[in-house]
Amino acid sequence: MKTNLIHKNIAILGFGKEWESTLRFLQKNWILDWSVTILDKNLNLKISNFDWKVIVWENYLNDLEKYDYIFKSPWISLYTNNLLYLKDKILTQTKLFFEFYKWKIISITQTKWKSTTATLVYQLLKNAWYNAKLVWNIWNPVLDEIDIEKDNYDFVVYELSSYMLEDLENHHSFISILWNIFPDHLDWHLNFENYSKAKKNILKNSDNILVWLGLYPKIEKELLNRKFLTFGPKDWYISHFDNSFFINWEKIDIKVNPKIPWEHNLNNFCSILATAHIIWIDYNIFEKTINEFEWLPHRLQNIWNYKWITFIDDAISTTPESTIEWIKSFNWLVQTIYLGWTDRWYDFKNLVKILEQYNIKNIVLFPDSWKRIKKLLRKANYNILETKNMKEAVIFSFKNTQAWKICLLSNAGPSYSLWKNFWEKWDEFKQEILNQYKNLEQ
């Protein structure tokens, strides 16, 4: 191992799903349990296959200086927990993966829609018959997905969050894709400057950089003397105009007809075309990839049509900007929308303007950000329900949404104030729709 963990005093800080994986990795690489301490705030923490030291509850962040290395959960902020002084000691699964994996990595980050970008790149590679692996930032830990000692994929497509990029300085990617950056996770990073800096770490040590044209003016200094391509509307190098695609102003002879609303995805599609261009993948394979692509789970999934109302699940949209784009995609069909949940200090002014522009009058607000959103809605005649209860929200939707219109679950915020995660929220949303539909049919 390059990072020498043998005979070191090691802490695993924040024992969730990823850090069970870290413990397995350490044990597999002959790091003995007696050199490992598990630290977590959960007083009822249950750990199998480990019989050594565990520190929980109030003291779990004490005396961190005594450890040689600290494996940190991505959910634990360096800023809010005052851990920046330990930055040189902190390791992550992402750091280990980049340090040890010697095959080609395509790294992807952006504030929203990065899962869509990563999946499209992966499908492009599979359609071109490459041996590829996709690792999402919200699913299984990378060290569970890939054996860094044995696996030798042609390409690993790695979706990276700002948490994972925060202290990722020494890494190497074959391609790095950076699209949008707008304020998010400010509760973790404390401010947009820290968040943006973490995202831009993806640009370091990359053979090929792909940058959205709209972002380029803001990061031009970081790209000096670097090999990069821009992608976006009506400009070189990879561009789109009038639903056609161009490489250095030369039109590509393809025709795309995606199954998803695609006006705002044109920039995304350009990044996939740029990837095909770099790897020398036939552009007809790009066309096939775009045309065959369908929704990701909880990304604008049509739940069902009940009483001629279309209920749409977009539970994974957790910023105002992503919700705005989906409202635009449905061309004035959205009549009821669910908003709110965990308050991450977002600015909702543009979202409220879109609600007014698209005449969306039925608003369901959930805590914690409901008060701030409601304050912005005071000037118009909205039909507002403030609730903590999904059943009340669904009853309100059936009562107030007209036939052939849409009820959209697209929250403009994460779910943690009321639910464990967006899966749990989506499951309750779907179940209450079924329950209320049965009640109305009786």
Protein backbone atom coordinates (compact mmCIF):
# COMPACT_ATOMS: atom_id res chain seq x y z
CA MET A 1 0.00 0.00 0.00
CA LYS A 2 1.30 3.46 -0.86
CA THR A 3 -0.20 5.05 2.22
CA ASN A 4 1.39 2.96 4.92
CA LEU A 5 -1.28 2.00 7.44
CA ILE A 6 0.67 -0.85 9.01
CA HIS A 7 1.32 -0.33 12.74
CA LYS A 8 -0.50 3.00 12.68
CA ASN A 9 -3.08 4.28 15.16
CA ILE A 10 -6.22 4.54 12.98
CA ALA A 11 -9.66 6.02 13.67
CA ILE A 12 -12.83 5.48 11.66
CA LEU A 13 -14.89 8.61 12.24
CA GLY A 14 -18.62 8.28 11.56
CA PHE A 15 -19.56 4.63 11.27
CA GLY A 16 -22.18 4.39 8.53
CA LYS A 17 -22.50 2.25 5.43
CA GLU A 18 -19.27 3.51 3.86
CA TRP A 19 -17.24 2.99 6.98
CA GLU A 20 -18.34 -0.60 7.46
CA SER A 21 -16.80 -0.96 4.02
CA THR A 22 -13.65 0.84 5.23
CA LEU A 23 -13.32 -1.56 8.15
CA ARG A 24 -13.61 -4.52 5.77
CA PHE A 25 -10.94 -2.95 3.56
CA LEU A 26 -8.56 -2.48 6.49
CA GLN A 27 -9.10 -6.03 7.74
CA LYS A 28 -8.56 -7.42 4.24
CA ASN A 29 -5.25 -5.55 4.02
CA TRP A 30 -3.98 -6.99 7.30
CA ILE A 31 -4.62 -3.95 9.46
CA LEU A 32 -5.24 -5.52 12.84
CA ASP A 33 -8.33 -4.56 14.84
CA TRP A 34 -6.28 -3.51 17.84
CA SER A 35 -4.90 -0.56 15.83
CA VAL A 36 -8.38 0.68 14.88
CA THR A 37 -10.80 2.80 16.94
CA ILE A 38 -14.36 3.47 15.77
CA LEU A 39 -15.81 6.90 16.66
CA ASP A 40 -19.47 7.78 16.30
CA LYS A 41 -22.11 9.92 18.00
CA ASN A 42 -24.66 7.07 17.93
CA LEU A 43 -24.94 5.75 21.48
CA ASN A 44 -26.63 2.54 20.25
CA LEU A 45 -24.08 1.72 17.59
CA LYS A 46 -23.98 -1.98 16.72
CA ILE A 47 -20.89 -3.34 14.98
CA SER A 48 -20.34 -6.91 13.85
CA ASN A 49 -16.95 -8.55 13.21
CA PHE A 50 -15.09 -6.06 15.36
CA ASP A 51 -14.14 -6.62 18.98
CA TRP A 52 -11.85 -3.71 19.73
CA LYS A 53 -12.22 -0.09 20.77
CA VAL A 54 -15.42 1.89 20.13
CA ILE A 55 -16.04 5.43 21.40
CA VAL A 56 -19.56 6.82 21.12
CA TRP A 57 -21.72 9.73 22.21
CA GLU A 58 -20.30 12.96 23.60
CA ASN A 59 -16.62 12.03 23.58
CA TYR A 60 -16.34 10.75 20.04
CA LEU A 61 -14.55 13.88 18.73
CA ASN A 62 -12.15 14.20 21.67
CA ASP A 63 -8.37 13.64 21.39
CA LEU A 64 -8.35 13.17 17.61
CA GLU A 65 -4.74 14.40 17.53
CA LYS A 66 -3.48 11.07 18.89
CA TYR A 67 -4.41 9.16 15.73
CA ASP A 68 -1.98 8.78 12.83
CA TYR A 69 -4.82 8.54 10.29
CA ILE A 70 -8.52 9.33 10.50
CA PHE A 71 -10.94 7.80 8.01
CA LYS A 72 -13.76 10.33 7.90
CA SER A 73 -17.35 9.79 6.83
CA PRO A 74 -18.23 12.16 3.95
CA TRP A 75 -21.21 13.40 5.97
CA ILE A 76 -18.95 14.84 8.68
CA SER A 77 -17.98 18.41 7.83
CA LEU A 78 -14.43 19.60 8.35
CA TYR A 79 -15.83 23.09 8.90
CA THR A 80 -18.74 22.69 11.31
CA ASN A 81 -16.85 20.12 13.39
CA ASN A 82 -13.63 22.19 13.53
CA LEU A 83 -11.53 19.48 11.92
CA LEU A 84 -9.55 21.55 9.41
CA TYR A 85 -6.44 21.41 11.57
CA LEU A 86 -6.43 17.61 11.09
CA LYS A 87 -6.69 17.77 7.30
CA ASP A 88 -3.29 16.13 6.71
CA LYS A 89 -4.32 13.11 8.77
CA ILE A 90 -7.71 12.57 7.20
CA LEU A 91 -8.22 9.78 4.67
CA THR A 92 -11.31 8.87 2.67
CA GLN A 93 -12.34 6.00 0.43
CA THR A 94 -12.14 8.39 -2.51
CA LYS A 95 -8.53 9.27 -1.65
CA LEU A 96 -7.58 5.60 -1.40
CA PHE A 97 -9.30 4.76 -4.66
CA PHE A 98 -7.46 7.45 -6.61
CA GLU A 99 -4.18 6.55 -4.95
CA PHE A 100 -4.29 2.84 -5.72
CA TYR A 101 -6.42 2.33 -8.82
CA LYS A 102 -4.17 2.41 -11.88
CA TRP A 103 -6.72 2.22 -14.71
CA LYS A 104 -8.54 5.05 -16.50
CA ILE A 105 -10.97 7.07 -14.38
CA ILE A 106 -13.61 9.46 -15.74
CA SER A 107 -14.49 11.85 -12.90
CA ILE A 108 -17.76 13.78 -12.92
CA THR A 109 -19.12 16.50 -10.68
CA GLN A 110 -21.70 19.26 -10.90
CA THR A 111 -24.24 20.63 -8.47
CA LYS A 112 -27.21 18.84 -10.03
CA TRP A 113 -27.80 16.16 -12.67
CA LYS A 114 -24.38 14.58 -12.13
CA SER A 115 -26.00 11.14 -11.81
CA THR A 116 -27.58 11.66 -15.22
CA THR A 117 -24.22 12.70 -16.72
CA ALA A 118 -22.40 9.77 -15.11
CA THR A 119 -25.01 7.26 -16.28
CA LEU A 120 -24.94 8.60 -19.84
CA VAL A 121 -21.12 8.37 -19.96
CA TYR A 122 -21.32 4.81 -18.63
CA GLN A 123 -23.97 3.81 -21.19
CA LEU A 124 -21.89 5.40 -23.96
CA LEU A 125 -18.89 3.26 -22.98
CA LYS A 126 -20.98 0.08 -22.69
CA ASN A 127 -22.55 0.71 -26.10
CA ALA A 128 -19.02 1.04 -27.48
CA TRP A 129 -18.20 -2.38 -25.96
CA TYR A 130 -15.79 -1.10 -23.33
CA ASN A 131 -15.46 -2.89 -20.01
CA ALA A 132 -16.74 -0.07 -17.81
CA LYS A 133 -17.87 0.37 -14.21
CA LEU A 134 -20.12 3.11 -12.83
CA VAL A 135 -19.72 4.23 -9.21
CA TRP A 136 -22.39 6.63 -7.92
CA ASN A 137 -21.70 8.88 -4.97
CA ILE A 138 -24.95 7.96 -3.16
CA TRP A 139 -25.02 4.18 -3.59
CA ASN A 140 -22.44 1.58 -2.60
CA PRO A 141 -19.00 2.72 -1.33
CA VAL A 142 -16.32 2.67 -4.00
CA LEU A 143 -14.19 0.09 -2.12
CA ASP A 144 -17.18 -2.26 -2.14
CA GLU A 145 -17.76 -1.64 -5.84
CA ILE A 146 -14.17 -2.06 -6.98
CA ASP A 147 -11.28 -4.20 -5.79
CA ILE A 148 -8.46 -1.72 -6.30
CA GLU A 149 -5.87 -4.50 -6.25
CA LYS A 150 -7.52 -6.84 -8.80
CA ASP A 151 -10.11 -5.12 -11.01
CA ASN A 152 -8.93 -3.73 -14.33
CA TYR A 153 -11.81 -2.04 -16.10
CA ASP A 154 -11.15 -0.09 -19.28
CA PHE A 155 -12.87 2.84 -17.61
CA VAL A 156 -14.34 3.63 -14.20
CA VAL A 157 -16.97 6.38 -14.28
CA TYR A 158 -16.90 8.01 -10.84
CA GLU A 159 -19.59 10.47 -9.73
CA LEU A 160 -18.13 12.77 -7.07
CA SER A 161 -19.89 15.01 -4.57
CA SER A 162 -18.39 18.15 -3.06
CA TYR A 163 -17.93 16.21 0.20
CA MET A 164 -15.71 13.71 -1.61
CA LEU A 165 -13.77 16.40 -3.45
CA GLU A 166 -13.22 18.66 -0.44
CA ASP A 167 -9.70 17.44 0.36
CA LEU A 168 -8.90 15.56 -2.85
CA GLU A 169 -5.65 17.18 -3.91
CA ASN A 170 -3.45 14.37 -5.26
CA HIS A 171 -5.44 12.35 -7.74
CA HIS A 172 -5.38 11.54 -11.45
CA SER A 173 -8.27 11.31 -13.91
CA PHE A 174 -8.26 10.47 -17.60
CA ILE A 175 -11.27 12.76 -18.13
CA SER A 176 -12.82 15.28 -15.71
CA ILE A 177 -16.27 16.69 -16.45
CA LEU A 178 -17.41 19.86 -14.69
CA TRP A 179 -20.77 21.33 -15.63
CA ASN A 180 -22.83 23.55 -13.31
CA ILE A 181 -21.84 24.99 -9.94
CA PHE A 182 -24.46 26.88 -7.94
CA PRO A 183 -24.95 27.21 -4.18
CA ASP A 184 -25.55 23.91 -2.40
CA HIS A 185 -24.49 22.10 0.78
CA LEU A 186 -23.71 25.44 2.41
CA ASP A 187 -24.59 23.93 5.77
CA TRP A 188 -21.61 21.57 5.28
CA HIS A 189 -19.14 23.94 3.55
CA LEU A 190 -20.26 27.10 5.43
CA ASN A 191 -20.09 29.27 2.32
CA PHE A 192 -20.21 29.13 -1.47
CA GLU A 193 -16.50 29.89 -1.80
CA ASN A 194 -15.57 26.68 0.06
CA TYR A 195 -18.16 24.69 -1.87
CA SER A 196 -16.98 25.98 -5.26
CA LYS A 197 -13.33 25.37 -4.35
CA ALA A 198 -14.13 21.74 -3.50
CA LYS A 199 -15.90 21.24 -6.84
CA LYS A 200 -12.98 22.75 -8.76
CA ASN A 201 -10.59 20.19 -7.24
CA ILE A 202 -11.79 17.86 -9.99
CA LEU A 203 -9.81 19.94 -12.50
CA LYS A 204 -6.47 19.03 -10.94
CA ASN A 205 -4.27 16.32 -12.44
CA SER A 206 -6.60 15.45 -15.31
CA ASP A 207 -5.49 14.45 -18.81
CA ASN A 208 -8.65 15.84 -20.42
CA ILE A 209 -10.91 18.51 -18.90
CA LEU A 210 -14.46 19.18 -20.10
CA VAL A 211 -15.99 22.42 -18.81
CA TRP A 212 -19.44 23.85 -19.43
CA LEU A 213 -19.15 27.08 -21.43
CA GLY A 214 -21.39 28.92 -18.97
CA LEU A 215 -18.99 28.11 -16.14
CA TYR A 216 -15.76 28.78 -18.05
CA PRO A 217 -15.54 32.57 -17.42
CA LYS A 218 -15.72 31.94 -13.66
CA ILE A 219 -12.90 29.38 -13.60
CA GLU A 220 -10.68 30.63 -16.41
CA LYS A 221 -7.72 31.16 -14.06
CA GLU A 222 -7.81 27.51 -12.95
CA LEU A 223 -7.56 26.42 -16.60
CA LEU A 224 -4.45 28.40 -17.57
CA ASN A 225 -1.91 26.14 -19.33
CA ARG A 226 -4.33 23.22 -19.05
CA LYS A 227 -5.70 20.96 -21.79
CA PHE A 228 -9.46 21.48 -21.84
CA LEU A 229 -12.53 21.60 -24.06
CA THR A 230 -15.67 23.65 -23.52
CA PHE A 231 -19.18 22.36 -24.20
CA GLY A 232 -22.41 24.31 -24.40
CA PRO A 233 -24.61 26.39 -26.69
CA LYS A 234 -23.51 27.80 -30.04
CA ASP A 235 -19.78 28.08 -29.49
CA TRP A 236 -16.69 26.03 -29.96
CA TYR A 237 -15.55 23.40 -29.16
CA ILE A 238 -18.45 20.98 -28.49
CA SER A 239 -21.75 22.79 -28.97
CA HIS A 240 -25.44 22.60 -29.74
CA PHE A 241 -27.66 24.91 -31.74
CA ASP A 242 -31.23 24.45 -32.95
CA ASN A 243 -31.26 20.85 -31.63
CA SER A 244 -28.17 19.95 -33.67
CA PHE A 245 -24.66 19.17 -32.42
CA PHE A 246 -21.35 20.59 -33.62
CA ILE A 247 -17.66 19.95 -33.10
CA ASN A 248 -15.65 23.09 -33.83
CA TRP A 249 -18.59 24.45 -35.86
CA GLU A 250 -18.84 21.30 -38.00
CA LYS A 251 -22.30 19.75 -37.76
CA ILE A 252 -22.42 16.10 -36.71
CA ASP A 253 -24.63 13.91 -38.90
CA ILE A 254 -26.84 12.48 -36.16
CA LYS A 255 -30.44 12.88 -35.02
CA VAL A 256 -31.35 12.72 -31.35
CA ASN A 257 -34.86 12.14 -30.07
CA PRO A 258 -34.50 11.60 -26.29
CA LYS A 259 -37.19 10.05 -24.13
CA ILE A 260 -36.62 12.68 -21.43
CA PRO A 261 -37.40 16.43 -21.49
CA TRP A 262 -34.21 17.60 -23.06
CA GLU A 263 -34.05 21.35 -23.56
CA HIS A 264 -31.87 21.89 -20.49
CA ASN A 265 -30.16 18.52 -21.06
CA LEU A 266 -28.63 19.70 -24.33
CA ASN A 267 -25.59 20.95 -22.41
CA ASN A 268 -25.41 17.57 -20.70
CA PHE A 269 -25.58 15.76 -24.05
CA CYS A 270 -22.71 17.93 -25.30
CA SER A 271 -20.51 16.65 -22.46
CA ILE A 272 -21.30 13.08 -23.58
CA LEU A 273 -20.45 13.96 -27.17
CA ALA A 274 -17.16 15.47 -25.96
CA THR A 275 -16.37 12.22 -24.13
CA ALA A 276 -17.07 10.25 -27.30
CA HIS A 277 -14.81 12.64 -29.21
CA ILE A 278 -11.89 12.18 -26.79
CA ILE A 279 -12.15 8.37 -26.71
CA TRP A 280 -12.80 8.12 -30.48
CA ILE A 281 -16.23 6.54 -30.08
CA ASP A 282 -18.38 6.61 -33.21
CA TYR A 283 -20.93 9.45 -33.06
CA ASN A 284 -23.71 7.05 -34.03
CA ILE A 285 -23.09 5.33 -30.69
CA PHE A 286 -23.55 8.71 -29.02
CA GLU A 287 -26.87 9.06 -30.89
CA LYS A 288 -27.97 5.58 -29.78
CA THR A 289 -27.01 6.31 -26.15
CA ILE A 290 -29.00 9.55 -25.99
CA ASN A 291 -32.07 8.13 -27.71
CA GLU A 292 -32.24 5.02 -25.52
CA PHE A 293 -31.69 6.76 -22.19
CA GLU A 294 -34.58 6.68 -19.70
CA TRP A 295 -35.17 8.23 -16.28
CA LEU A 296 -33.03 7.49 -13.29
CA PRO A 297 -34.86 6.43 -10.12
CA HIS A 298 -36.65 9.42 -8.49
CA ARG A 299 -35.63 11.75 -11.29
CA LEU A 300 -38.97 12.77 -12.85
CA GLN A 301 -40.51 9.33 -12.65
CA ASN A 302 -44.17 9.22 -13.59
CA ILE A 303 -45.78 7.55 -10.59
CA TRP A 304 -49.19 7.03 -12.19
CA ASN A 305 -52.29 8.77 -13.40
CA TYR A 306 -55.03 8.81 -10.77
CA LYS A 307 -58.34 10.61 -11.31
CA TRP A 308 -56.75 12.07 -14.46
CA ILE A 309 -54.01 13.70 -12.37
CA THR A 310 -50.37 12.90 -13.17
CA PHE A 311 -48.25 12.46 -10.04
CA ILE A 312 -44.53 12.81 -10.79
CA ASP A 313 -41.69 11.74 -8.53
CA ASP A 314 -38.63 13.98 -8.62
CA ALA A 315 -37.66 13.30 -5.02
CA ILE A 316 -33.95 13.50 -5.76
CA SER A 317 -34.12 17.19 -6.80
CA THR A 318 -32.75 18.98 -3.79
CA THR A 319 -32.00 22.52 -5.01
CA PRO A 320 -34.21 25.37 -6.29
CA GLU A 321 -32.31 25.40 -9.59
CA SER A 322 -33.13 21.79 -10.47
CA THR A 323 -36.80 22.26 -9.54
CA ILE A 324 -36.94 25.36 -11.76
CA GLU A 325 -35.66 23.41 -14.76
CA TRP A 326 -38.22 20.65 -14.34
CA ILE A 327 -41.09 23.14 -14.04
CA LYS A 328 -39.98 24.66 -17.34
CA SER A 329 -39.86 21.21 -18.95
CA PHE A 330 -43.58 20.60 -18.41
CA ASN A 331 -44.82 23.73 -20.19
CA TRP A 332 -47.44 25.08 -17.77
CA LEU A 333 -48.84 21.63 -16.87
CA VAL A 334 -47.66 21.69 -13.24
CA GLN A 335 -50.50 22.88 -11.03
CA THR A 336 -49.48 21.51 -7.61
CA ILE A 337 -45.96 21.32 -6.21
CA TYR A 338 -44.37 20.13 -2.97
CA LEU A 339 -41.56 22.35 -1.64
CA GLY A 340 -39.42 22.79 1.44
CA TRP A 341 -37.74 20.34 3.81
CA THR A 342 -34.21 20.76 5.18
CA ASP A 343 -33.07 24.39 5.06
CA ARG A 344 -29.63 24.72 3.44
CA TRP A 345 -29.78 28.52 3.17
CA TYR A 346 -30.93 28.42 -0.46
CA ASP A 347 -32.17 31.54 -2.21
CA PHE A 348 -35.75 30.80 -3.33
CA LYS A 349 -36.43 34.11 -5.10
CA ASN A 350 -35.97 32.75 -8.63
CA LEU A 351 -38.06 29.69 -7.81
CA VAL A 352 -40.93 31.88 -6.61
CA LYS A 353 -40.70 33.90 -9.84
CA ILE A 354 -41.06 30.68 -11.83
CA LEU A 355 -44.07 29.61 -9.75
CA GLU A 356 -45.71 32.91 -10.63
CA GLN A 357 -44.66 32.78 -14.29
CA TYR A 358 -46.04 29.26 -14.77
CA ASN A 359 -49.18 29.99 -12.74
CA ILE A 360 -48.59 27.24 -10.16
CA LYS A 361 -51.05 28.13 -7.42
CA ASN A 362 -51.23 25.01 -5.22
CA ILE A 363 -48.17 24.93 -2.98
CA VAL A 364 -47.49 22.32 -0.29
CA LEU A 365 -44.79 23.51 2.12
CA PHE A 366 -42.83 21.28 4.49
CA PRO A 367 -40.42 22.29 7.28
CA ASP A 368 -37.77 23.53 7.81
CA SER A 369 -37.59 26.00 4.93
CA TRP A 370 -41.37 26.52 4.65
CA LYS A 371 -41.42 29.85 6.51
CA ARG A 372 -38.83 31.43 4.23
CA ILE A 373 -40.62 30.24 1.10
CA LYS A 374 -44.04 31.35 2.37
CA LYS A 375 -42.70 34.82 3.11
CA LEU A 376 -41.76 35.16 -0.58
CA LEU A 377 -45.22 33.98 -1.68
CA ARG A 378 -47.20 36.68 0.13
CA LYS A 379 -47.65 38.99 -2.86
CA ALA A 380 -49.69 36.50 -4.94
CA ASN A 381 -52.91 34.59 -4.43
CA TYR A 382 -51.56 31.10 -3.72
CA ASN A 383 -53.40 28.13 -2.27
CA ILE A 384 -50.89 27.05 0.39
CA LEU A 385 -50.84 24.03 2.68
CA GLU A 386 -48.24 23.96 5.45
CA THR A 387 -47.86 20.44 6.77
CA LYS A 388 -45.51 17.82 8.20
CA ASN A 389 -47.79 15.04 7.00
CA MET A 390 -47.60 13.39 3.56
CA LYS A 391 -51.19 12.15 3.84
CA GLU A 392 -52.47 15.71 4.23
CA ALA A 393 -50.35 16.79 1.25
CA VAL A 394 -51.75 14.08 -1.03
CA ILE A 395 -55.37 14.76 0.03
CA PHE A 396 -54.74 18.44 -0.76
CA SER A 397 -53.36 17.45 -4.19
CA PHE A 398 -56.37 15.35 -5.17
CA LYS A 399 -58.70 18.11 -4.05
CA ASN A 400 -56.99 21.01 -5.82
CA THR A 401 -55.28 19.61 -8.93
CA GLN A 402 -57.38 19.71 -12.10
CA ALA A 403 -57.69 16.82 -14.55
CA TRP A 404 -54.82 16.47 -17.02
CA LYS A 405 -52.54 18.57 -14.79
CA ILE A 406 -49.42 17.57 -12.82
CA CYS A 407 -48.69 17.24 -9.13
CA LEU A 408 -44.90 17.46 -8.84
CA LEU A 409 -42.80 16.22 -5.93
CA SER A 410 -39.67 18.29 -6.58
CA ASN A 411 -38.65 19.73 -3.29
CA ALA A 412 -35.94 22.34 -3.86
CA GLY A 413 -34.33 20.95 -0.71
CA PRO A 414 -33.19 17.68 0.90
CA SER A 415 -35.45 15.47 3.01
CA TYR A 416 -33.73 15.10 6.36
CA SER A 417 -36.02 17.29 8.44
CA LEU A 418 -38.85 14.74 8.21
CA TRP A 419 -37.45 11.63 6.50
CA LYS A 420 -34.25 9.65 6.68
CA ASN A 421 -33.64 10.09 2.94
CA PHE A 422 -35.46 10.73 -0.32
CA TRP A 423 -36.27 7.02 -0.80
CA GLU A 424 -38.28 7.06 2.41
CA LYS A 425 -40.06 10.27 1.34
CA TRP A 426 -40.82 8.87 -2.12
CA ASP A 427 -42.17 5.63 -0.67
CA GLU A 428 -44.59 7.51 1.57
CA PHE A 429 -45.61 9.78 -1.32
CA LYS A 430 -46.42 6.82 -3.54
CA GLN A 431 -48.23 4.90 -0.80
CA GLU A 432 -50.43 7.83 0.16
CA ILE A 433 -51.37 8.37 -3.49
CA LEU A 434 -52.53 4.76 -3.68
CA ASN A 435 -54.39 5.00 -0.35
CA GLN A 436 -56.24 8.18 -1.23
CA TYR A 437 -57.11 6.95 -4.71
CA LYS A 438 -58.69 3.82 -3.19
CA ASN A 439 -60.66 6.00 -0.75
CA LEU A 440 -61.96 8.15 -3.61
CA GLU A 441 -63.01 5.09 -5.59
CA GLN A 442 -65.06 3.62 -2.75
